Every structure is written in structure tokens, then in C-alpha cells.
């Protein structure tokens, strides 16, 4: 496994909720993508939302609602 160390500021940006992060080199060439880990709280909220939504909600729909702040209340 390759280990890359980033500054505290970059690490903080990478841990913000949102979409995947595109990593590019100094020429702007894509190197890869990173997604931050899902928190235990987000998992609990996703389960709560899934249980409260009508049948047929996809996981993507649930995550979209969580990330938009729509808790369905």
C-alpha cells in the first residue's frame, strides 16, 4: 500500500461531507478519487431514514436526502 501524507488543512477538507474528491497532479492530470469514511452517525441516520421512507427508496436516494439535510421530518 502507498501512503501519502497531507497537511492538516488538506485532511480537514477531505473529511468534509460531500462528493468524492478528485486528486490531480501539478499538471491537472487525474491521479485518483477519494471518499471520506462514512460516520457511525450517518449510518444510523441512513437506517432511520430507510425505515421511515416508503418502500422503493434506493440507497442513493437516502444518501442524497442525508447530505441535503432533509431528514424527512
PDB file of N, CA and C in Angstrom:
ATOM      1  N   UNK A   1       0.843  -1.171   0.000  1.00  0.00           N
ATOM      2  CA  UNK A   1       0.000   0.000   0.000  1.00  0.00           C
ATOM      3  C   UNK A   1       0.890   1.235   0.000  1.00  0.00           C
ATOM      4  N   UNK A   2       0.503   2.232  -0.777  1.00  0.00           N
ATOM      5  CA  UNK A   2       1.209   3.501  -0.819  1.00  0.00           C
ATOM      6  C   UNK A   2       0.603   4.423   0.227  1.00  0.00           C
ATOM      7  N   UNK A   3       1.441   5.116   0.954  1.00  0.00           N
ATOM      8  CA  UNK A   3       0.968   6.050   1.985  1.00  0.00           C
ATOM      9  C   UNK A   3       1.364   7.456   1.581  1.00  0.00           C
ATOM     10  N   UNK A   4       0.373   8.358   1.536  1.00  0.00           N
ATOM     11  CA  UNK A   4       0.609   9.755   1.184  1.00  0.00           C
ATOM     12  C   UNK A   4       0.209  10.607   2.372  1.00  0.00           C
ATOM     13  N   UNK A   5       1.107  11.459   2.821  1.00  0.00           N
ATOM     14  CA  UNK A   5       0.819  12.335   3.950  1.00  0.00           C
ATOM     15  C   UNK A   5       0.375  13.690   3.424  1.00  0.00           C
ATOM     16  N   UNK A   6      -0.734  14.206   3.967  1.00  0.00           N
ATOM     17  CA  UNK A   6      -1.248  15.515   3.563  1.00  0.00           C
ATOM     18  C   UNK A   6      -1.227  16.450   4.764  1.00  0.00           C
ATOM     19  N   UNK A   7      -1.290  17.739   4.471  1.00  0.00           N
ATOM     20  CA  UNK A   7      -1.301  18.723   5.553  1.00  0.00           C
ATOM     21  C   UNK A   7      -2.608  18.627   6.335  1.00  0.00           C
ATOM     22  N   UNK A   8      -2.624  19.225   7.506  1.00  0.00           N
ATOM     23  CA  UNK A   8      -3.822  19.245   8.337  1.00  0.00           C
ATOM     24  C   UNK A   8      -4.975  19.912   7.601  1.00  0.00           C
ATOM     25  N   UNK A   9      -4.681  20.981   6.861  1.00  0.00           N
ATOM     26  CA  UNK A   9      -5.724  21.699   6.123  1.00  0.00           C
ATOM     27  C   UNK A   9      -6.337  20.825   5.031  1.00  0.00           C
ATOM     28  N   UNK A  10      -5.492  20.112   4.285  1.00  0.00           N
ATOM     29  CA  UNK A  10      -5.990  19.234   3.228  1.00  0.00           C
ATOM     30  C   UNK A  10      -6.802  18.091   3.840  1.00  0.00           C
ATOM     31  N   UNK A  11      -6.311  17.527   4.936  1.00  0.00           N
ATOM     32  CA  UNK A  11      -7.034  16.441   5.598  1.00  0.00           C
ATOM     33  C   UNK A  11      -8.410  16.915   6.053  1.00  0.00           C
ATOM     34  N   UNK A  12      -8.496  18.131   6.585  1.00  0.00           N
ATOM     35  CA  UNK A  12      -9.785  18.672   7.025  1.00  0.00           C
ATOM     36  C   UNK A  12     -10.740  18.818   5.856  1.00  0.00           C
ATOM     37  N   UNK A  13     -10.241  19.276   4.711  1.00  0.00           N
ATOM     38  CA  UNK A  13     -11.090  19.402   3.520  1.00  0.00           C
ATOM     39  C   UNK A  13     -11.579  18.037   3.062  1.00  0.00           C
ATOM     40  N   UNK A  14     -10.722  17.048   3.137  1.00  0.00           N
ATOM     41  CA  UNK A  14     -11.073  15.708   2.674  1.00  0.00           C
ATOM     42  C   UNK A  14     -12.128  15.054   3.558  1.00  0.00           C
ATOM     43  N   UNK A  15     -12.230  15.463   4.807  1.00  0.00           N
ATOM     44  CA  UNK A  15     -13.173  14.864   5.733  1.00  0.00           C
ATOM     45  C   UNK A  15     -14.532  15.558   5.734  1.00  0.00           C
ATOM     46  N   UNK A  16     -14.682  16.650   4.978  1.00  0.00           N
ATOM     47  CA  UNK A  16     -15.971  17.342   4.911  1.00  0.00           C
ATOM     48  C   UNK A  16     -16.970  16.473   4.163  1.00  0.00           C
ATOM     49  N   UNK A  17     -18.231  16.558   4.588  1.00  0.00           N
ATOM     50  CA  UNK A  17     -19.267  15.819   3.852  1.00  0.00           C
ATOM     51  C   UNK A  17     -19.340  16.298   2.410  1.00  0.00           C
ATOM     52  N   UNK A  18     -19.698  15.434   1.539  1.00  0.00           N
ATOM     53  CA  UNK A  18     -19.851  15.827   0.144  1.00  0.00           C
ATOM     54  C   UNK A  18     -19.484  14.717  -0.808  1.00  0.00           C
ATOM     55  N   UNK A  19     -19.254  15.116  -2.018  1.00  0.00           N
ATOM     56  CA  UNK A  19     -18.946  14.175  -3.082  1.00  0.00           C
ATOM     57  C   UNK A  19     -17.528  13.647  -2.953  1.00  0.00           C
ATOM     58  N   UNK A  20     -17.190  12.696  -3.803  1.00  0.00           N
ATOM     59  CA  UNK A  20     -15.827  12.173  -3.856  1.00  0.00           C
ATOM     60  C   UNK A  20     -14.872  13.298  -4.235  1.00  0.00           C
ATOM     61  N   UNK A  21     -13.650  13.192  -3.824  1.00  0.00           N
ATOM     62  CA  UNK A  21     -12.626  14.204  -4.084  1.00  0.00           C
ATOM     63  C   UNK A  21     -11.749  13.708  -5.225  1.00  0.00           C
ATOM     64  N   UNK A  22     -11.580  14.549  -6.221  1.00  0.00           N
ATOM     65  CA  UNK A  22     -10.692  14.201  -7.330  1.00  0.00           C
ATOM     66  C   UNK A  22      -9.285  14.672  -6.972  1.00  0.00           C
ATOM     67  N   UNK A  23      -8.305  13.814  -7.140  1.00  0.00           N
ATOM     68  CA  UNK A  23      -6.908  14.154  -6.880  1.00  0.00           C
ATOM     69  C   UNK A  23      -6.204  14.299  -8.216  1.00  0.00           C
ATOM     70  N   UNK A  24      -5.508  15.435  -8.390  1.00  0.00           N
ATOM     71  CA  UNK A  24      -4.797  15.705  -9.637  1.00  0.00           C
ATOM     72  C   UNK A  24      -3.343  16.042  -9.333  1.00  0.00           C
ATOM     73  N   UNK A  25      -2.479  15.850 -10.335  1.00  0.00           N
ATOM     74  CA  UNK A  25      -1.082  16.226 -10.163  1.00  0.00           C
ATOM     75  C   UNK A  25      -0.904  17.706 -10.509  1.00  0.00           C
ATOM     76  N   UNK A  26       0.330  18.175 -10.510  1.00  0.00           N
ATOM     77  CA  UNK A  26       0.591  19.594 -10.748  1.00  0.00           C
ATOM     78  C   UNK A  26       0.221  20.043 -12.155  1.00  0.00           C
ATOM     79  N   UNK A  27       0.048  19.107 -13.071  1.00  0.00           N
ATOM     80  CA  UNK A  27      -0.376  19.440 -14.437  1.00  0.00           C
ATOM     81  C   UNK A  27      -1.884  19.343 -14.610  1.00  0.00           C
ATOM     82  N   UNK A  28      -2.582  18.974 -13.545  1.00  0.00           N
ATOM     83  CA  UNK A  28      -4.024  18.831 -13.625  1.00  0.00           C
ATOM     84  C   UNK A  28      -4.486  17.471 -14.108  1.00  0.00           C
ATOM     85  N   UNK A  29      -3.564  16.535 -14.230  1.00  0.00           N
ATOM     86  CA  UNK A  29      -3.918  15.190 -14.678  1.00  0.00           C
ATOM     87  C   UNK A  29      -4.495  14.398 -13.497  1.00  0.00           C
ATOM     88  N   UNK A  30      -5.601  13.733 -13.736  1.00  0.00           N
ATOM     89  CA  UNK A  30      -6.259  12.976 -12.680  1.00  0.00           C
ATOM     90  C   UNK A  30      -5.368  11.831 -12.212  1.00  0.00           C
ATOM     91  N   UNK A  31      -5.233  11.752 -10.890  1.00  0.00           N
ATOM     92  CA  UNK A  31      -4.477  10.678 -10.258  1.00  0.00           C
ATOM     93  C   UNK A  31      -5.433   9.666  -9.632  1.00  0.00           C
ATOM     94  N   UNK A  32      -6.538  10.158  -9.083  1.00  0.00           N
ATOM     95  CA  UNK A  32      -7.498   9.249  -8.457  1.00  0.00           C
ATOM     96  C   UNK A  32      -8.600  10.003  -7.756  1.00  0.00           C
ATOM     97  N   UNK A  33      -9.411   9.253  -7.034  1.00  0.00           N
ATOM     98  CA  UNK A  33     -10.523   9.802  -6.268  1.00  0.00           C
ATOM     99  C   UNK A  33     -10.444   9.280  -4.845  1.00  0.00           C
ATOM    100  N   UNK A  34     -10.966  10.069  -3.912  1.00  0.00           N
ATOM    101  CA  UNK A  34     -11.021   9.673  -2.511  1.00  0.00           C
ATOM    102  C   UNK A  34     -12.404  10.022  -1.988  1.00  0.00           C
ATOM    103  N   UNK A  35     -12.957   9.150  -1.170  1.00  0.00           N
ATOM    104  CA  UNK A  35     -14.197   9.440  -0.453  1.00  0.00           C
ATOM    105  C   UNK A  35     -13.899   9.334   1.023  1.00  0.00           C
ATOM    106  N   UNK A  36     -14.467  10.248   1.800  1.00  0.00           N
ATOM    107  CA  UNK A  36     -14.231  10.176   3.237  1.00  0.00           C
ATOM    108  C   UNK A  36     -15.020   9.021   3.817  1.00  0.00           C
ATOM    109  N   UNK A  37     -14.594   8.503   4.947  1.00  0.00           N
ATOM    110  CA  UNK A  37     -15.324   7.398   5.569  1.00  0.00           C
ATOM    111  C   UNK A  37     -16.715   7.855   6.019  1.00  0.00           C
ATOM    112  N   UNK A  38     -17.655   6.943   5.997  1.00  0.00           N
ATOM    113  CA  UNK A  38     -18.995   7.222   6.491  1.00  0.00           C
ATOM    114  C   UNK A  38     -18.958   7.105   8.009  1.00  0.00           C
ATOM    115  N   UNK A  39     -19.545   8.092   8.683  1.00  0.00           N
ATOM    116  CA  UNK A  39     -19.526   8.079  10.145  1.00  0.00           C
ATOM    117  C   UNK A  39     -20.625   7.171  10.689  1.00  0.00           C
ATOM    118  N   UNK A  40     -20.462   6.763  11.933  1.00  0.00           N
ATOM    119  CA  UNK A  40     -21.488   5.946  12.596  1.00  0.00           C
ATOM    120  C   UNK A  40     -22.807   6.703  12.646  1.00  0.00           C
ATOM    121  N   UNK A  41     -22.748   8.008  12.877  1.00  0.00           N
ATOM    122  CA  UNK A  41     -23.965   8.828  12.925  1.00  0.00           C
ATOM    123  C   UNK A  41     -24.671   8.812  11.572  1.00  0.00           C
ATOM    124  N   UNK A  42     -23.923   8.905  10.482  1.00  0.00           N
ATOM    125  CA  UNK A  42     -24.521   8.865   9.148  1.00  0.00           C
ATOM    126  C   UNK A  42     -25.170   7.509   8.876  1.00  0.00           C
ATOM    127  N   UNK A  43     -24.554   6.456   9.354  1.00  0.00           N
ATOM    128  CA  UNK A  43     -25.139   5.119   9.183  1.00  0.00           C
ATOM    129  C   UNK A  43     -26.443   5.020   9.957  1.00  0.00           C
ATOM    130  N   UNK A  44     -26.456   5.508  11.197  1.00  0.00           N
ATOM    131  CA  UNK A  44     -27.688   5.480  11.996  1.00  0.00           C
ATOM    132  C   UNK A  44     -28.785   6.293  11.311  1.00  0.00           C
ATOM    133  N   UNK A  45     -28.416   7.482  10.806  1.00  0.00           N
ATOM    134  CA  UNK A  45     -29.393   8.340  10.141  1.00  0.00           C
ATOM    135  C   UNK A  45     -29.915   7.689   8.862  1.00  0.00           C
ATOM    136  N   UNK A  46     -29.044   7.045   8.107  1.00  0.00           N
ATOM    137  CA  UNK A  46     -29.470   6.368   6.881  1.00  0.00           C
ATOM    138  C   UNK A  46     -30.442   5.233   7.206  1.00  0.00           C
ATOM    139  N   UNK A  47     -30.160   4.496   8.259  1.00  0.00           N
ATOM    140  CA  UNK A  47     -31.070   3.417   8.654  1.00  0.00           C
ATOM    141  C   UNK A  47     -32.414   3.968   9.112  1.00  0.00           C
ATOM    142  N   UNK A  48     -32.373   5.054   9.892  1.00  0.00           N
ATOM    143  CA  UNK A  48     -33.613   5.669  10.359  1.00  0.00           C
ATOM    144  C   UNK A  48     -34.442   6.153   9.177  1.00  0.00           C
ATOM    145  N   UNK A  49     -33.782   6.832   8.230  1.00  0.00           N
ATOM    146  CA  UNK A  49     -34.494   7.314   7.050  1.00  0.00           C
ATOM    147  C   UNK A  49     -35.037   6.170   6.215  1.00  0.00           C
ATOM    148  N   UNK A  50     -34.243   5.131   6.040  1.00  0.00           N
ATOM    149  CA  UNK A  50     -34.691   3.991   5.244  1.00  0.00           C
ATOM    150  C   UNK A  50     -35.924   3.356   5.879  1.00  0.00           C
ATOM    151  N   UNK A  51     -35.950   3.286   7.197  1.00  0.00           N
ATOM    152  CA  UNK A  51     -37.100   2.699   7.887  1.00  0.00           C
ATOM    153  C   UNK A  51     -38.337   3.587   7.801  1.00  0.00           C
ATOM    154  N   UNK A  52     -38.134   4.899   7.647  1.00  0.00           N
ATOM    155  CA  UNK A  52     -39.260   5.833   7.639  1.00  0.00           C
ATOM    156  C   UNK A  52     -39.771   6.146   6.235  1.00  0.00           C
ATOM    157  N   UNK A  53     -39.059   5.723   5.216  1.00  0.00           N
ATOM    158  CA  UNK A  53     -39.446   6.032   3.834  1.00  0.00           C
ATOM    159  C   UNK A  53     -40.299   4.914   3.260  1.00  0.00           C
ATOM    160  N   UNK A  54     -41.154   5.287   2.319  1.00  0.00           N
ATOM    161  CA  UNK A  54     -41.927   4.231   1.651  1.00  0.00           C
ATOM    162  C   UNK A  54     -40.993   3.251   0.953  1.00  0.00           C
ATOM    163  N   UNK A  55     -41.463   2.029   0.806  1.00  0.00           N
ATOM    164  CA  UNK A  55     -40.655   1.020   0.118  1.00  0.00           C
ATOM    165  C   UNK A  55     -40.278   1.541  -1.260  1.00  0.00           C
ATOM    166  N   UNK A  56     -39.087   1.230  -1.684  1.00  0.00           N
ATOM    167  CA  UNK A  56     -38.664   1.633  -3.017  1.00  0.00           C
ATOM    168  C   UNK A  56     -37.578   2.696  -3.017  1.00  0.00           C
ATOM    169  N   UNK A  57     -37.231   3.275  -1.855  1.00  0.00           N
ATOM    170  CA  UNK A  57     -36.142   4.242  -1.814  1.00  0.00           C
ATOM    171  C   UNK A  57     -34.825   3.500  -1.979  1.00  0.00           C
ATOM    172  N   UNK A  58     -34.019   3.969  -2.920  1.00  0.00           N
ATOM    173  CA  UNK A  58     -32.708   3.359  -3.109  1.00  0.00           C
ATOM    174  C   UNK A  58     -31.734   3.935  -2.098  1.00  0.00           C
ATOM    175  N   UNK A  59     -30.615   3.267  -1.914  1.00  0.00           N
ATOM    176  CA  UNK A  59     -29.588   3.775  -1.019  1.00  0.00           C
ATOM    177  C   UNK A  59     -29.100   5.141  -1.497  1.00  0.00           C
ATOM    178  N   UNK A  60     -28.957   5.322  -2.807  1.00  0.00           N
ATOM    179  CA  UNK A  60     -28.543   6.622  -3.342  1.00  0.00           C
ATOM    180  C   UNK A  60     -29.536   7.716  -2.976  1.00  0.00           C
ATOM    181  N   UNK A  61     -30.833   7.406  -3.021  1.00  0.00           N
ATOM    182  CA  UNK A  61     -31.844   8.395  -2.650  1.00  0.00           C
ATOM    183  C   UNK A  61     -31.743   8.759  -1.176  1.00  0.00           C
ATOM    184  N   UNK A  62     -31.511   7.761  -0.335  1.00  0.00           N
ATOM    185  CA  UNK A  62     -31.367   8.021   1.101  1.00  0.00           C
ATOM    186  C   UNK A  62     -30.143   8.893   1.357  1.00  0.00           C
ATOM    187  N   UNK A  63     -29.008   8.553   0.745  1.00  0.00           N
ATOM    188  CA  UNK A  63     -27.790   9.348   0.941  1.00  0.00           C
ATOM    189  C   UNK A  63     -27.973  10.771   0.431  1.00  0.00           C
ATOM    190  N   UNK A  64     -28.678  10.946  -0.680  1.00  0.00           N
ATOM    191  CA  UNK A  64     -28.936  12.289  -1.198  1.00  0.00           C
ATOM    192  C   UNK A  64     -29.729  13.098  -0.184  1.00  0.00           C
ATOM    193  N   UNK A  65     -30.743  12.474   0.420  1.00  0.00           N
ATOM    194  CA  UNK A  65     -31.533  13.187   1.435  1.00  0.00           C
ATOM    195  C   UNK A  65     -30.691  13.522   2.654  1.00  0.00           C
ATOM    196  N   UNK A  66     -29.847  12.594   3.095  1.00  0.00           N
ATOM    197  CA  UNK A  66     -28.996  12.865   4.264  1.00  0.00           C
ATOM    198  C   UNK A  66     -28.058  14.021   3.979  1.00  0.00           C
ATOM    199  N   UNK A  67     -27.394  13.977   2.833  1.00  0.00           N
ATOM    200  CA  UNK A  67     -26.415  15.012   2.504  1.00  0.00           C
ATOM    201  C   UNK A  67     -27.064  16.372   2.264  1.00  0.00           C
ATOM    202  N   UNK A  68     -28.328  16.388   1.866  1.00  0.00           N
ATOM    203  CA  UNK A  68     -29.016  17.661   1.644  1.00  0.00           C
ATOM    204  C   UNK A  68     -29.580  18.214   2.947  1.00  0.00           C
ATOM    205  N   UNK A  69     -29.543  17.417   4.010  1.00  0.00           N
ATOM    206  CA  UNK A  69     -30.073  17.866   5.290  1.00  0.00           C
ATOM    207  C   UNK A  69     -31.553  17.569   5.449  1.00  0.00           C
ATOM    208  N   UNK A  70     -32.166  16.915   4.470  1.00  0.00           N
ATOM    209  CA  UNK A  70     -33.580  16.562   4.532  1.00  0.00           C
ATOM    210  C   UNK A  70     -33.723  15.295   5.350  1.00  0.00           C
ATOM    211  N   UNK A  71     -34.202  15.435   6.579  1.00  0.00           N
ATOM    212  CA  UNK A  71     -34.340  14.271   7.445  1.00  0.00           C
ATOM    213  C   UNK A  71     -35.740  13.678   7.380  1.00  0.00           C
ATOM    214  N   UNK A  72     -36.599  14.241   6.529  1.00  0.00           N
ATOM    215  CA  UNK A  72     -37.917  13.689   6.354  1.00  0.00           C
ATOM    216  C   UNK A  72     -38.871  13.977   7.488  1.00  0.00           C
ATOM    217  N   UNK A  73     -38.533  14.932   8.348  1.00  0.00           N
ATOM    218  CA  UNK A  73     -39.399  15.255   9.484  1.00  0.00           C
ATOM    219  C   UNK A  73     -40.325  16.385   9.157  1.00  0.00           C
TER     220      UNK A  73
END
